[in-house]
C-alpha cells in the first residue's frame, strides 16, 4: 500500500486550481499574445467620407500602407455627412472628424473646443463652365447664375474668401443657387445655371463629360493671399479633451493620414484603381483617366507653421468679408508639427 501511495502522489492529476494557475501564468508570459491582449488596442472612431467626396479614397489608401503605421490602434470608420460630425463628436460616437478653418472658427466662437491636429485636404473647389461658354475668367461671370454648395460649407465659404481677393463679392456679384453637388450638376447639365463651383471628384466627372474648368479656387487663393502654402480646406479634428487624453494616438492617426496622402501623391494611379470608392462608375472612363493628373495635389502631407499661417490668413479675411464676426480667442490648431511624411 505504501508503494501505491507513493506512485499516486507522483503521478496524480493536477487539481483545477493548479490548472487555472498555470493558464494564468502562461497568459502573463511576454512571449504569448492572447486574443484578449490583441483586443485591448484602442479603437479610434474616424469619420467615413461618403462616395463622391475626395476623402472617400482614404480607407482604400490606408489599406495599402505598412501595417506598422497603425499597429497601436484600430480604426472604426463611422459613416455620416459633414452636418452630423459635430453631433457625433459631442456624443462620443466619433473621435476624429474633418473641419475647415472658417466653420471651426464659428464653432470656437460659440465655445466649442474642437481642434485641428493633422492634414486632410487642400482646397479643391473648381469653377466649371460649359465647353462652348464664352466665359474665360471668374470676373466674366459677374451677374450670372452660379450653383454651389450651401452657405455653411467650406466649399462656399472658402470660395467667397478667395474670390473677395480678386474683387468679387459672391453675394453681390452672382445669382447664387445652393444645393448638394449632384443637384448642382443637374442644374448645370440642363443649362439652368451658367457655372458651378464644385469639389472633386464631381468636378472631374463634369470635365470628363465635356465641361471646361474655368478656374481653381485654390489657385486664386494662392496667387492673391500672400500665403505660399497650399490652400488648406479641411484637416483632422477632435475635441481638445480627446487629443489631450490621447496625444500619442492622435499624432499616430495624423501621421497615418499624412502617409496615405503621400502614397496618393507618389502613386496617383491609385485614383484609377480605387475610382469606385470615390463613387465613379466604370463607364466614366474619361473622368477616371483624368483623376491622377487632377487630384494628386489635393492631398497634403504637411502639418506645420506654413499650414497654420494659411489657416490664420483665411480667418483674417473671413472676418473682413463678414463670414465671421471676429477672430476666435483660441488657436484652431494644436501647434505640434508632424514633420515631413
C-alpha atoms as a PDB file:
ATOM      1  CA  UNK A   1       0.000   0.000   0.000  1.00  0.00           C
ATOM      2  CA  UNK A   2       2.875   2.298   0.826  1.00  0.00           C
ATOM      3  CA  UNK A   3       4.324   1.800  -2.677  1.00  0.00           C
ATOM      4  CA  UNK A   4       0.994   2.540  -4.364  1.00  0.00           C
ATOM      5  CA  UNK A   5       0.552   5.680  -2.328  1.00  0.00           C
ATOM      6  CA  UNK A   6       3.943   6.881  -3.437  1.00  0.00           C
ATOM      7  CA  UNK A   7       3.066   6.338  -7.151  1.00  0.00           C
ATOM      8  CA  UNK A   8      -0.237   8.093  -6.609  1.00  0.00           C
ATOM      9  CA  UNK A   9       1.470  11.191  -5.154  1.00  0.00           C
ATOM     10  CA  UNK A  10       3.971  11.364  -8.044  1.00  0.00           C
ATOM     11  CA  UNK A  11       1.568  10.892 -10.976  1.00  0.00           C
ATOM     12  CA  UNK A  12      -1.663  12.381  -9.657  1.00  0.00           C
ATOM     13  CA  UNK A  13      -3.742  14.637 -11.969  1.00  0.00           C
ATOM     14  CA  UNK A  14      -3.350  18.365 -11.265  1.00  0.00           C
ATOM     15  CA  UNK A  15      -6.184  19.994  -9.406  1.00  0.00           C
ATOM     16  CA  UNK A  16      -8.492  22.503 -11.095  1.00  0.00           C
ATOM     17  CA  UNK A  17      -6.891  25.276  -9.049  1.00  0.00           C
ATOM     18  CA  UNK A  18      -3.426  24.292 -10.302  1.00  0.00           C
ATOM     19  CA  UNK A  19      -4.609  24.184 -13.924  1.00  0.00           C
ATOM     20  CA  UNK A  20      -6.106  27.658 -13.664  1.00  0.00           C
ATOM     21  CA  UNK A  21      -2.943  28.958 -12.032  1.00  0.00           C
ATOM     22  CA  UNK A  22      -0.884  27.555 -14.878  1.00  0.00           C
ATOM     23  CA  UNK A  23      -3.114  29.166 -17.504  1.00  0.00           C
ATOM     24  CA  UNK A  24      -2.847  32.492 -15.723  1.00  0.00           C
ATOM     25  CA  UNK A  25       0.949  32.256 -15.644  1.00  0.00           C
ATOM     26  CA  UNK A  26       1.055  31.366 -19.352  1.00  0.00           C
ATOM     27  CA  UNK A  27      -1.168  34.306 -20.280  1.00  0.00           C
ATOM     28  CA  UNK A  28       1.098  36.624 -18.308  1.00  0.00           C
ATOM     29  CA  UNK A  29       4.169  35.492 -20.235  1.00  0.00           C
ATOM     30  CA  UNK A  30       5.573  38.259 -22.506  1.00  0.00           C
ATOM     31  CA  UNK A  31       6.037  35.665 -25.257  1.00  0.00           C
ATOM     32  CA  UNK A  32       2.342  34.821 -25.572  1.00  0.00           C
ATOM     33  CA  UNK A  33      -0.122  37.097 -27.428  1.00  0.00           C
ATOM     34  CA  UNK A  34      -3.666  36.322 -26.373  1.00  0.00           C
ATOM     35  CA  UNK A  35      -6.920  37.301 -28.036  1.00  0.00           C
ATOM     36  CA  UNK A  36      -7.656  39.496 -25.030  1.00  0.00           C
ATOM     37  CA  UNK A  37      -4.351  41.325 -25.446  1.00  0.00           C
ATOM     38  CA  UNK A  38      -4.977  41.855 -29.164  1.00  0.00           C
ATOM     39  CA  UNK A  39      -8.413  43.189 -28.406  1.00  0.00           C
ATOM     40  CA  UNK A  40      -7.016  45.708 -25.923  1.00  0.00           C
ATOM     41  CA  UNK A  41      -5.706  48.038 -28.648  1.00  0.00           C
ATOM     42  CA  UNK A  42      -7.509  51.374 -28.532  1.00  0.00           C
ATOM     43  CA  UNK A  43     -10.192  51.892 -31.165  1.00  0.00           C
ATOM     44  CA  UNK A  44     -10.352  55.297 -32.841  1.00  0.00           C
ATOM     45  CA  UNK A  45     -13.702  56.225 -34.368  1.00  0.00           C
ATOM     46  CA  UNK A  46     -12.955  58.158 -37.570  1.00  0.00           C
ATOM     47  CA  UNK A  47     -15.433  59.831 -39.903  1.00  0.00           C
ATOM     48  CA  UNK A  48     -16.042  57.939 -43.149  1.00  0.00           C
ATOM     49  CA  UNK A  49     -16.374  60.289 -46.112  1.00  0.00           C
ATOM     50  CA  UNK A  50     -19.215  59.372 -48.436  1.00  0.00           C
ATOM     51  CA  UNK A  51     -18.591  58.322 -52.069  1.00  0.00           C
ATOM     52  CA  UNK A  52     -18.435  61.388 -54.256  1.00  0.00           C
ATOM     53  CA  UNK A  53     -16.096  63.225 -51.882  1.00  0.00           C
ATOM     54  CA  UNK A  54     -12.315  63.480 -52.073  1.00  0.00           C
ATOM     55  CA  UNK A  55     -11.877  61.844 -48.669  1.00  0.00           C
ATOM     56  CA  UNK A  56     -13.713  58.692 -49.729  1.00  0.00           C
ATOM     57  CA  UNK A  57     -10.461  57.170 -51.021  1.00  0.00           C
ATOM     58  CA  UNK A  58      -8.706  57.297 -47.641  1.00  0.00           C
ATOM     59  CA  UNK A  59      -9.868  53.919 -46.369  1.00  0.00           C
ATOM     60  CA  UNK A  60      -8.528  52.227 -49.519  1.00  0.00           C
ATOM     61  CA  UNK A  61      -5.298  54.258 -49.471  1.00  0.00           C
ATOM     62  CA  UNK A  62      -4.659  53.375 -45.838  1.00  0.00           C
ATOM     63  CA  UNK A  63      -5.111  49.680 -46.657  1.00  0.00           C
ATOM     64  CA  UNK A  64      -2.065  49.903 -48.984  1.00  0.00           C
ATOM     65  CA  UNK A  65       0.269  51.236 -46.269  1.00  0.00           C
ATOM     66  CA  UNK A  66       2.713  49.442 -43.996  1.00  0.00           C
ATOM     67  CA  UNK A  67       0.522  47.955 -41.189  1.00  0.00           C
ATOM     68  CA  UNK A  68       3.056  49.130 -38.600  1.00  0.00           C
ATOM     69  CA  UNK A  69       1.784  52.691 -39.115  1.00  0.00           C
ATOM     70  CA  UNK A  70      -1.458  51.744 -37.385  1.00  0.00           C
ATOM     71  CA  UNK A  71      -0.209  48.896 -35.171  1.00  0.00           C
ATOM     72  CA  UNK A  72      -1.011  50.777 -31.964  1.00  0.00           C
ATOM     73  CA  UNK A  73      -4.701  51.332 -32.670  1.00  0.00           C
ATOM     74  CA  UNK A  74      -7.619  50.149 -34.771  1.00  0.00           C
ATOM     75  CA  UNK A  75      -9.779  52.441 -36.877  1.00  0.00           C
ATOM     76  CA  UNK A  76     -13.535  52.086 -36.788  1.00  0.00           C
ATOM     77  CA  UNK A  77     -14.983  54.039 -39.709  1.00  0.00           C
ATOM     78  CA  UNK A  78     -18.162  55.926 -38.794  1.00  0.00           C
ATOM     79  CA  UNK A  79     -20.487  56.950 -41.613  1.00  0.00           C
ATOM     80  CA  UNK A  80     -22.049  60.387 -41.507  1.00  0.00           C
ATOM     81  CA  UNK A  81     -22.335  63.527 -43.567  1.00  0.00           C
ATOM     82  CA  UNK A  82     -20.449  66.710 -42.606  1.00  0.00           C
ATOM     83  CA  UNK A  83     -23.513  68.089 -40.860  1.00  0.00           C
ATOM     84  CA  UNK A  84     -23.567  65.144 -38.460  1.00  0.00           C
ATOM     85  CA  UNK A  85     -19.937  65.348 -37.358  1.00  0.00           C
ATOM     86  CA  UNK A  86     -20.350  67.922 -34.616  1.00  0.00           C
ATOM     87  CA  UNK A  87     -23.193  65.915 -33.082  1.00  0.00           C
ATOM     88  CA  UNK A  88     -21.209  62.672 -33.382  1.00  0.00           C
ATOM     89  CA  UNK A  89     -18.135  64.244 -31.776  1.00  0.00           C
ATOM     90  CA  UNK A  90     -20.212  65.670 -28.929  1.00  0.00           C
ATOM     91  CA  UNK A  91     -21.930  62.313 -28.367  1.00  0.00           C
ATOM     92  CA  UNK A  92     -18.645  60.398 -28.337  1.00  0.00           C
ATOM     93  CA  UNK A  93     -19.592  58.142 -31.253  1.00  0.00           C
ATOM     94  CA  UNK A  94     -16.869  59.882 -33.264  1.00  0.00           C
ATOM     95  CA  UNK A  95     -13.349  60.651 -32.099  1.00  0.00           C
ATOM     96  CA  UNK A  96     -11.893  62.179 -35.271  1.00  0.00           C
ATOM     97  CA  UNK A  97     -13.726  64.279 -37.847  1.00  0.00           C
ATOM     98  CA  UNK A  98     -12.866  66.754 -40.586  1.00  0.00           C
ATOM     99  CA  UNK A  99     -13.254  70.511 -40.223  1.00  0.00           C
ATOM    100  CA  UNK A 100     -12.341  73.573 -42.203  1.00  0.00           C
ATOM    101  CA  UNK A 101     -10.953  76.726 -40.669  1.00  0.00           C
ATOM    102  CA  UNK A 102     -13.930  79.044 -41.162  1.00  0.00           C
ATOM    103  CA  UNK A 103     -16.582  76.614 -39.970  1.00  0.00           C
ATOM    104  CA  UNK A 104     -14.456  75.630 -36.989  1.00  0.00           C
ATOM    105  CA  UNK A 105     -13.814  79.267 -36.117  1.00  0.00           C
ATOM    106  CA  UNK A 106     -17.550  79.819 -35.965  1.00  0.00           C
ATOM    107  CA  UNK A 107     -17.912  76.896 -33.552  1.00  0.00           C
ATOM    108  CA  UNK A 108     -14.985  78.115 -31.456  1.00  0.00           C
ATOM    109  CA  UNK A 109     -16.677  81.499 -31.101  1.00  0.00           C
ATOM    110  CA  UNK A 110     -19.615  79.598 -29.542  1.00  0.00           C
ATOM    111  CA  UNK A 111     -17.430  77.719 -27.063  1.00  0.00           C
ATOM    112  CA  UNK A 112     -16.526  74.521 -28.910  1.00  0.00           C
ATOM    113  CA  UNK A 113     -13.118  73.047 -28.077  1.00  0.00           C
ATOM    114  CA  UNK A 114     -12.771  71.071 -31.343  1.00  0.00           C
ATOM    115  CA  UNK A 115      -9.185  71.434 -32.547  1.00  0.00           C
ATOM    116  CA  UNK A 116      -7.330  70.648 -35.773  1.00  0.00           C
ATOM    117  CA  UNK A 117      -4.408  68.246 -35.324  1.00  0.00           C
ATOM    118  CA  UNK A 118      -3.434  66.887 -38.738  1.00  0.00           C
ATOM    119  CA  UNK A 119      -3.618  67.237 -42.527  1.00  0.00           C
ATOM    120  CA  UNK A 120      -6.755  66.481 -44.504  1.00  0.00           C
ATOM    121  CA  UNK A 121      -7.375  68.059 -47.900  1.00  0.00           C
ATOM    122  CA  UNK A 122      -6.238  71.113 -49.801  1.00  0.00           C
ATOM    123  CA  UNK A 123      -8.897  73.314 -51.358  1.00  0.00           C
ATOM    124  CA  UNK A 124     -10.237  71.573 -54.456  1.00  0.00           C
ATOM    125  CA  UNK A 125     -13.127  73.830 -55.392  1.00  0.00           C
ATOM    126  CA  UNK A 126     -13.346  74.322 -59.177  1.00  0.00           C
ATOM    127  CA  UNK A 127     -15.331  76.780 -61.250  1.00  0.00           C
ATOM    128  CA  UNK A 128     -16.815  74.788 -64.137  1.00  0.00           C
ATOM    129  CA  UNK A 129     -18.500  76.155 -67.268  1.00  0.00           C
ATOM    130  CA  UNK A 130     -19.818  74.564 -70.445  1.00  0.00           C
ATOM    131  CA  UNK A 131     -17.235  73.747 -73.127  1.00  0.00           C
ATOM    132  CA  UNK A 132     -18.675  76.356 -75.519  1.00  0.00           C
ATOM    133  CA  UNK A 133     -19.140  79.001 -72.811  1.00  0.00           C
ATOM    134  CA  UNK A 134     -17.776  82.469 -73.694  1.00  0.00           C
ATOM    135  CA  UNK A 135     -16.535  82.992 -70.100  1.00  0.00           C
ATOM    136  CA  UNK A 136     -12.764  82.856 -69.652  1.00  0.00           C
ATOM    137  CA  UNK A 137     -12.173  84.173 -66.133  1.00  0.00           C
ATOM    138  CA  UNK A 138     -14.152  84.486 -62.885  1.00  0.00           C
ATOM    139  CA  UNK A 139     -14.953  88.173 -63.425  1.00  0.00           C
ATOM    140  CA  UNK A 140     -16.736  87.236 -66.675  1.00  0.00           C
ATOM    141  CA  UNK A 141     -19.365  85.537 -64.513  1.00  0.00           C
ATOM    142  CA  UNK A 142     -20.432  88.709 -62.694  1.00  0.00           C
ATOM    143  CA  UNK A 143     -24.208  88.978 -62.971  1.00  0.00           C
ATOM    144  CA  UNK A 144     -24.547  85.314 -63.963  1.00  0.00           C
ATOM    145  CA  UNK A 145     -26.181  82.322 -62.301  1.00  0.00           C
ATOM    146  CA  UNK A 146     -23.837  80.170 -60.223  1.00  0.00           C
ATOM    147  CA  UNK A 147     -24.686  76.963 -58.346  1.00  0.00           C
ATOM    148  CA  UNK A 148     -22.611  75.900 -55.359  1.00  0.00           C
ATOM    149  CA  UNK A 149     -22.867  74.092 -52.047  1.00  0.00           C
ATOM    150  CA  UNK A 150     -24.750  75.552 -49.051  1.00  0.00           C
ATOM    151  CA  UNK A 151     -23.502  78.651 -47.216  1.00  0.00           C
ATOM    152  CA  UNK A 152     -22.402  76.583 -44.208  1.00  0.00           C
ATOM    153  CA  UNK A 153     -19.921  74.511 -46.226  1.00  0.00           C
ATOM    154  CA  UNK A 154     -16.225  75.210 -46.517  1.00  0.00           C
ATOM    155  CA  UNK A 155     -16.617  74.941 -50.301  1.00  0.00           C
ATOM    156  CA  UNK A 156     -18.778  78.069 -50.361  1.00  0.00           C
ATOM    157  CA  UNK A 157     -17.073  79.940 -47.539  1.00  0.00           C
ATOM    158  CA  UNK A 158     -13.561  79.495 -48.896  1.00  0.00           C
ATOM    159  CA  UNK A 159     -14.699  80.330 -52.439  1.00  0.00           C
ATOM    160  CA  UNK A 160     -16.173  83.562 -51.105  1.00  0.00           C
ATOM    161  CA  UNK A 161     -12.926  84.360 -49.251  1.00  0.00           C
ATOM    162  CA  UNK A 162     -10.721  83.606 -52.271  1.00  0.00           C
ATOM    163  CA  UNK A 163     -12.880  85.471 -54.780  1.00  0.00           C
ATOM    164  CA  UNK A 164     -13.008  88.502 -52.497  1.00  0.00           C
ATOM    165  CA  UNK A 165      -9.257  88.805 -53.014  1.00  0.00           C
ATOM    166  CA  UNK A 166      -9.811  89.497 -56.719  1.00  0.00           C
ATOM    167  CA  UNK A 167     -12.657  91.949 -56.125  1.00  0.00           C
ATOM    168  CA  UNK A 168     -15.625  89.589 -56.478  1.00  0.00           C
ATOM    169  CA  UNK A 169     -18.349  89.501 -53.838  1.00  0.00           C
ATOM    170  CA  UNK A 170     -20.279  86.272 -54.386  1.00  0.00           C
ATOM    171  CA  UNK A 171     -23.415  87.562 -52.674  1.00  0.00           C
ATOM    172  CA  UNK A 172     -23.417  90.816 -54.604  1.00  0.00           C
ATOM    173  CA  UNK A 173     -21.996  89.792 -57.975  1.00  0.00           C
ATOM    174  CA  UNK A 174     -23.576  86.386 -58.642  1.00  0.00           C
ATOM    175  CA  UNK A 175     -27.082  84.981 -58.563  1.00  0.00           C
ATOM    176  CA  UNK A 176     -26.258  82.016 -56.373  1.00  0.00           C
ATOM    177  CA  UNK A 177     -28.172  78.739 -56.136  1.00  0.00           C
ATOM    178  CA  UNK A 178     -27.304  76.464 -53.198  1.00  0.00           C
ATOM    179  CA  UNK A 179     -27.509  72.681 -53.156  1.00  0.00           C
ATOM    180  CA  UNK A 180     -25.533  69.418 -52.977  1.00  0.00           C
ATOM    181  CA  UNK A 181     -23.003  68.743 -55.770  1.00  0.00           C
ATOM    182  CA  UNK A 182     -25.201  66.231 -57.610  1.00  0.00           C
ATOM    183  CA  UNK A 183     -28.165  68.619 -57.680  1.00  0.00           C
ATOM    184  CA  UNK A 184     -25.943  71.479 -58.835  1.00  0.00           C
ATOM    185  CA  UNK A 185     -24.524  69.310 -61.595  1.00  0.00           C
ATOM    186  CA  UNK A 186     -28.070  68.540 -62.765  1.00  0.00           C
ATOM    187  CA  UNK A 187     -28.838  72.281 -62.925  1.00  0.00           C
ATOM    188  CA  UNK A 188     -25.651  72.797 -64.890  1.00  0.00           C
ATOM    189  CA  UNK A 189     -26.353  69.968 -67.336  1.00  0.00           C
ATOM    190  CA  UNK A 190     -29.833  71.376 -68.020  1.00  0.00           C
ATOM    191  CA  UNK A 191     -28.424  74.842 -68.675  1.00  0.00           C
ATOM    192  CA  UNK A 192     -30.245  76.391 -65.702  1.00  0.00           C
ATOM    193  CA  UNK A 193     -27.022  77.962 -64.402  1.00  0.00           C
ATOM    194  CA  UNK A 194     -24.015  79.447 -66.188  1.00  0.00           C
ATOM    195  CA  UNK A 195     -21.405  77.871 -63.952  1.00  0.00           C
ATOM    196  CA  UNK A 196     -20.951  75.689 -60.891  1.00  0.00           C
ATOM    197  CA  UNK A 197     -18.431  75.742 -58.088  1.00  0.00           C
ATOM    198  CA  UNK A 198     -17.884  72.106 -57.141  1.00  0.00           C
ATOM    199  CA  UNK A 199     -15.287  69.951 -55.443  1.00  0.00           C
ATOM    200  CA  UNK A 200     -13.572  66.778 -56.556  1.00  0.00           C
ATOM    201  CA  UNK A 201     -14.281  64.231 -57.873  1.00  0.00           C
ATOM    202  CA  UNK A 202     -17.527  65.849 -59.119  1.00  0.00           C
ATOM    203  CA  UNK A 203     -15.525  68.489 -60.999  1.00  0.00           C
ATOM    204  CA  UNK A 204     -13.544  65.824 -62.833  1.00  0.00           C
ATOM    205  CA  UNK A 205     -16.750  63.974 -63.678  1.00  0.00           C
ATOM    206  CA  UNK A 206     -18.066  67.170 -65.273  1.00  0.00           C
ATOM    207  CA  UNK A 207     -14.847  67.745 -67.207  1.00  0.00           C
ATOM    208  CA  UNK A 208     -14.823  64.112 -68.294  1.00  0.00           C
ATOM    209  CA  UNK A 209     -18.337  64.603 -69.661  1.00  0.00           C
ATOM    210  CA  UNK A 210     -17.222  67.587 -71.770  1.00  0.00           C
ATOM    211  CA  UNK A 211     -17.373  70.622 -69.480  1.00  0.00           C
ATOM    212  CA  UNK A 212     -14.495  73.092 -69.062  1.00  0.00           C
ATOM    213  CA  UNK A 213     -12.651  74.155 -65.931  1.00  0.00           C
ATOM    214  CA  UNK A 214     -12.517  77.948 -65.772  1.00  0.00           C
ATOM    215  CA  UNK A 215     -10.553  78.355 -62.515  1.00  0.00           C
ATOM    216  CA  UNK A 216      -9.378  76.669 -59.332  1.00  0.00           C
ATOM    217  CA  UNK A 217     -10.375  78.319 -56.065  1.00  0.00           C
ATOM    218  CA  UNK A 218      -7.103  77.153 -54.521  1.00  0.00           C
ATOM    219  CA  UNK A 219      -5.029  78.828 -57.226  1.00  0.00           C
ATOM    220  CA  UNK A 220      -6.945  82.089 -56.835  1.00  0.00           C
ATOM    221  CA  UNK A 221      -6.188  81.899 -53.110  1.00  0.00           C
ATOM    222  CA  UNK A 222      -2.507  81.065 -53.611  1.00  0.00           C
ATOM    223  CA  UNK A 223      -1.930  83.877 -56.099  1.00  0.00           C
ATOM    224  CA  UNK A 224      -3.844  86.539 -54.176  1.00  0.00           C
ATOM    225  CA  UNK A 225      -3.469  85.795 -50.454  1.00  0.00           C
ATOM    226  CA  UNK A 226       0.254  86.299 -50.000  1.00  0.00           C
ATOM    227  CA  UNK A 227       0.477  82.801 -48.470  1.00  0.00           C
ATOM    228  CA  UNK A 228       2.782  80.369 -50.255  1.00  0.00           C
ATOM    229  CA  UNK A 229       1.440  77.216 -48.593  1.00  0.00           C
ATOM    230  CA  UNK A 230      -1.099  75.029 -50.354  1.00  0.00           C
ATOM    231  CA  UNK A 231      -4.651  76.276 -49.721  1.00  0.00           C
ATOM    232  CA  UNK A 232      -5.999  74.452 -46.660  1.00  0.00           C
ATOM    233  CA  UNK A 233      -9.559  73.120 -46.969  1.00  0.00           C
ATOM    234  CA  UNK A 234     -10.108  70.659 -44.105  1.00  0.00           C
ATOM    235  CA  UNK A 235      -7.981  68.868 -41.531  1.00  0.00           C
ATOM    236  CA  UNK A 236      -8.297  66.121 -38.950  1.00  0.00           C
ATOM    237  CA  UNK A 237     -10.115  67.455 -35.914  1.00  0.00           C
ATOM    238  CA  UNK A 238     -11.178  66.210 -32.493  1.00  0.00           C
ATOM    239  CA  UNK A 239     -12.328  67.550 -29.175  1.00  0.00           C
ATOM    240  CA  UNK A 240      -9.335  69.031 -27.375  1.00  0.00           C
ATOM    241  CA  UNK A 241     -10.135  66.872 -24.348  1.00  0.00           C
ATOM    242  CA  UNK A 242      -9.775  63.733 -26.503  1.00  0.00           C
ATOM    243  CA  UNK A 243      -6.493  64.962 -28.007  1.00  0.00           C
ATOM    244  CA  UNK A 244      -5.101  65.771 -24.556  1.00  0.00           C
ATOM    245  CA  UNK A 245      -6.036  62.318 -23.241  1.00  0.00           C
ATOM    246  CA  UNK A 246      -4.789  60.524 -26.350  1.00  0.00           C
ATOM    247  CA  UNK A 247      -1.916  62.703 -27.547  1.00  0.00           C
ATOM    248  CA  UNK A 248       0.281  59.838 -28.750  1.00  0.00           C
ATOM    249  CA  UNK A 249      -2.594  58.129 -30.580  1.00  0.00           C
ATOM    250  CA  UNK A 250      -3.724  61.440 -32.123  1.00  0.00           C
ATOM    251  CA  UNK A 251      -0.231  62.016 -33.502  1.00  0.00           C
ATOM    252  CA  UNK A 252      -0.154  58.461 -34.879  1.00  0.00           C
ATOM    253  CA  UNK A 253      -3.528  58.982 -36.580  1.00  0.00           C
ATOM    254  CA  UNK A 254      -2.288  62.246 -38.109  1.00  0.00           C
ATOM    255  CA  UNK A 255       0.869  60.523 -39.365  1.00  0.00           C
ATOM    256  CA  UNK A 256      -1.235  57.709 -40.846  1.00  0.00           C
ATOM    257  CA  UNK A 257      -3.359  60.135 -42.852  1.00  0.00           C
ATOM    258  CA  UNK A 258      -0.273  62.084 -43.921  1.00  0.00           C
ATOM    259  CA  UNK A 259       1.232  58.803 -45.134  1.00  0.00           C
ATOM    260  CA  UNK A 260      -1.964  57.927 -47.019  1.00  0.00           C
ATOM    261  CA  UNK A 261      -1.910  61.339 -48.695  1.00  0.00           C
ATOM    262  CA  UNK A 262       1.761  60.844 -49.501  1.00  0.00           C
ATOM    263  CA  UNK A 263       1.001  57.499 -51.142  1.00  0.00           C
ATOM    264  CA  UNK A 264      -1.673  59.121 -53.313  1.00  0.00           C
ATOM    265  CA  UNK A 265       0.724  61.868 -54.379  1.00  0.00           C
ATOM    266  CA  UNK A 266       3.559  59.440 -55.180  1.00  0.00           C
ATOM    267  CA  UNK A 267       1.355  56.915 -56.949  1.00  0.00           C
ATOM    268  CA  UNK A 268      -1.618  58.760 -58.497  1.00  0.00           C
ATOM    269  CA  UNK A 269      -2.654  55.583 -60.317  1.00  0.00           C
ATOM    270  CA  UNK A 270      -4.284  54.642 -57.012  1.00  0.00           C
ATOM    271  CA  UNK A 271      -7.071  57.027 -58.033  1.00  0.00           C
ATOM    272  CA  UNK A 272      -7.758  54.833 -61.052  1.00  0.00           C
ATOM    273  CA  UNK A 273      -7.540  51.625 -59.018  1.00  0.00           C
ATOM    274  CA  UNK A 274      -9.951  52.910 -56.377  1.00  0.00           C
ATOM    275  CA  UNK A 275     -12.174  55.122 -58.547  1.00  0.00           C
ATOM    276  CA  UNK A 276     -15.247  53.157 -57.461  1.00  0.00           C
ATOM    277  CA  UNK A 277     -14.506  54.054 -53.829  1.00  0.00           C
ATOM    278  CA  UNK A 278     -14.898  57.677 -54.879  1.00  0.00           C
ATOM    279  CA  UNK A 279     -18.248  56.991 -56.497  1.00  0.00           C
ATOM    280  CA  UNK A 280     -17.198  56.898 -60.144  1.00  0.00           C
ATOM    281  CA  UNK A 281     -18.802  54.283 -62.354  1.00  0.00           C
ATOM    282  CA  UNK A 282     -16.787  52.097 -64.703  1.00  0.00           C
ATOM    283  CA  UNK A 283     -18.421  53.685 -67.737  1.00  0.00           C
ATOM    284  CA  UNK A 284     -16.983  57.096 -66.734  1.00  0.00           C
ATOM    285  CA  UNK A 285     -13.666  56.057 -68.261  1.00  0.00           C
ATOM    286  CA  UNK A 286     -12.655  59.542 -69.426  1.00  0.00           C
ATOM    287  CA  UNK A 287     -13.119  61.018 -65.957  1.00  0.00           C
ATOM    288  CA  UNK A 288     -11.294  58.093 -64.339  1.00  0.00           C
ATOM    289  CA  UNK A 289      -8.316  58.609 -66.659  1.00  0.00           C
ATOM    290  CA  UNK A 290      -8.215  62.280 -65.627  1.00  0.00           C
ATOM    291  CA  UNK A 291      -8.160  61.624 -61.885  1.00  0.00           C
ATOM    292  CA  UNK A 292      -4.381  61.115 -61.446  1.00  0.00           C
ATOM    293  CA  UNK A 293      -3.476  64.396 -63.142  1.00  0.00           C
ATOM    294  CA  UNK A 294      -6.193  66.408 -61.392  1.00  0.00           C
ATOM    295  CA  UNK A 295      -6.335  65.057 -57.827  1.00  0.00           C
ATOM    296  CA  UNK A 296      -2.827  64.292 -56.554  1.00  0.00           C
ATOM    297  CA  UNK A 297      -2.143  67.815 -55.254  1.00  0.00           C
ATOM    298  CA  UNK A 298      -5.422  67.813 -53.322  1.00  0.00           C
ATOM    299  CA  UNK A 299      -3.849  65.576 -50.648  1.00  0.00           C
ATOM    300  CA  UNK A 300      -1.356  67.391 -48.353  1.00  0.00           C
ATOM    301  CA  UNK A 301       1.310  65.710 -46.257  1.00  0.00           C
ATOM    302  CA  UNK A 302       2.490  68.660 -44.169  1.00  0.00           C
ATOM    303  CA  UNK A 303       1.259  69.865 -40.803  1.00  0.00           C
ATOM    304  CA  UNK A 304       3.450  72.784 -39.813  1.00  0.00           C
ATOM    305  CA  UNK A 305       3.699  76.550 -39.432  1.00  0.00           C
ATOM    306  CA  UNK A 306       3.115  77.185 -43.136  1.00  0.00           C
ATOM    307  CA  UNK A 307      -0.221  75.373 -42.950  1.00  0.00           C
ATOM    308  CA  UNK A 308      -1.197  77.224 -39.780  1.00  0.00           C
ATOM    309  CA  UNK A 309      -0.315  80.556 -41.386  1.00  0.00           C
ATOM    310  CA  UNK A 310      -2.718  79.692 -44.205  1.00  0.00           C
ATOM    311  CA  UNK A 311      -5.445  78.921 -41.663  1.00  0.00           C
ATOM    312  CA  UNK A 312      -4.848  82.191 -39.814  1.00  0.00           C
ATOM    313  CA  UNK A 313      -4.974  84.142 -43.075  1.00  0.00           C
ATOM    314  CA  UNK A 314      -8.285  82.520 -44.026  1.00  0.00           C
ATOM    315  CA  UNK A 315      -9.767  83.586 -40.707  1.00  0.00           C
ATOM    316  CA  UNK A 316      -8.443  87.114 -41.093  1.00  0.00           C
ATOM    317  CA  UNK A 317     -10.098  87.525 -44.494  1.00  0.00           C
ATOM    318  CA  UNK A 318     -13.295  85.763 -43.397  1.00  0.00           C
ATOM    319  CA  UNK A 319     -13.695  88.437 -40.705  1.00  0.00           C
ATOM    320  CA  UNK A 320     -13.113  91.201 -43.259  1.00  0.00           C
ATOM    321  CA  UNK A 321     -15.788  89.897 -45.635  1.00  0.00           C
ATOM    322  CA  UNK A 322     -18.297  89.303 -42.837  1.00  0.00           C
ATOM    323  CA  UNK A 323     -18.301  85.500 -42.725  1.00  0.00           C
ATOM    324  CA  UNK A 324     -17.114  85.732 -39.114  1.00  0.00           C
ATOM    325  CA  UNK A 325     -17.890  88.366 -36.511  1.00  0.00           C
ATOM    326  CA  UNK A 326     -14.422  88.213 -35.014  1.00  0.00           C
ATOM    327  CA  UNK A 327     -11.296  86.100 -34.745  1.00  0.00           C
ATOM    328  CA  UNK A 328     -11.611  83.224 -32.232  1.00  0.00           C
ATOM    329  CA  UNK A 329      -9.875  83.794 -28.924  1.00  0.00           C
ATOM    330  CA  UNK A 330      -8.040  80.449 -29.093  1.00  0.00           C
ATOM    331  CA  UNK A 331      -5.908  78.776 -31.777  1.00  0.00           C
ATOM    332  CA  UNK A 332      -7.834  76.439 -34.063  1.00  0.00           C
ATOM    333  CA  UNK A 333      -4.912  74.010 -34.386  1.00  0.00           C
ATOM    334  CA  UNK A 334      -2.727  72.094 -31.950  1.00  0.00           C
ATOM    335  CA  UNK A 335       0.562  73.730 -32.965  1.00  0.00           C
ATOM    336  CA  UNK A 336       2.526  70.455 -32.958  1.00  0.00           C
ATOM    337  CA  UNK A 337       4.219  69.867 -36.342  1.00  0.00           C
ATOM    338  CA  UNK A 338       4.403  66.367 -37.758  1.00  0.00           C
ATOM    339  CA  UNK A 339       7.420  66.951 -39.960  1.00  0.00           C
ATOM    340  CA  UNK A 340       7.602  65.552 -43.472  1.00  0.00           C
ATOM    341  CA  UNK A 341       5.515  62.441 -44.102  1.00  0.00           C
END
